[in-house]
């Protein structure tokens, strides 16, 4: 059963502003310094002011144009290469000064890498920008604001491509809105583009090996991501190999 969580305001990263408060009034000190005595200047703090990037790093104009203007959270998945199953995941939060990055997390994607035209069984992850609206898992809701479907339907069995056990892979999942109906459980198998274009592309718990098409990160990082994503901030995932994202 999908449950909806109340919105909890996220803390926004604030830039440090150095301001003076002279006020324009003349002030007479209690003790005038002797003539010729230098008055030491008040030292200013040694602070480096760094502006957040106005655009998501690593994205070219073609990819950037696909990021919805209302998106204030972006999970950027950057593949090591077109045919690599290794990638990194960074959650960016958009504030008044630009996109602030979170920590970079190691991840796996599909066994054969990436594709611009995903097909069922091609063992490649789809390149693109997709919204994130729904979550679920075999384990109970860890505190996400996304609708969360908890049930035994998320039981994973068998072994992966490198012989690793898949048990626990779907303890936490976030549905990537590629060829699916947003607003439904990740287990909903509606395929708007047809079954031949694949589906069931998720962010889920890493099992220490390549996936069939999903993106996987460590269990603790999935819990962090679930707690961070806020539907009111219109989260998206931007995913693909670095060269494709730079187009």
Foldseek 3Di string as FASTA:
>chain_A
DWDADDDDDDDDDDWDDDDDPPVPDDDDDPDDDDPPDDDDDDDDDPDDTDFEDAFDPLFAPVQRVQPDPLAQKEWEWADADQQAQKTWTWIWGQDPRHTDIDDIFIKGFFNREEDCQAWPQPRYAHAHKFWWAAKEACADQLAFNHTYHHDPVQAAADADPVRFTCGQFRRIKIATPDQDDHPDYLPDPHGPVDPGRPGSAIETDDRPDHDSHHMYGHPVVRSVVRNPDGVSNGYMYGYHHSVVRND
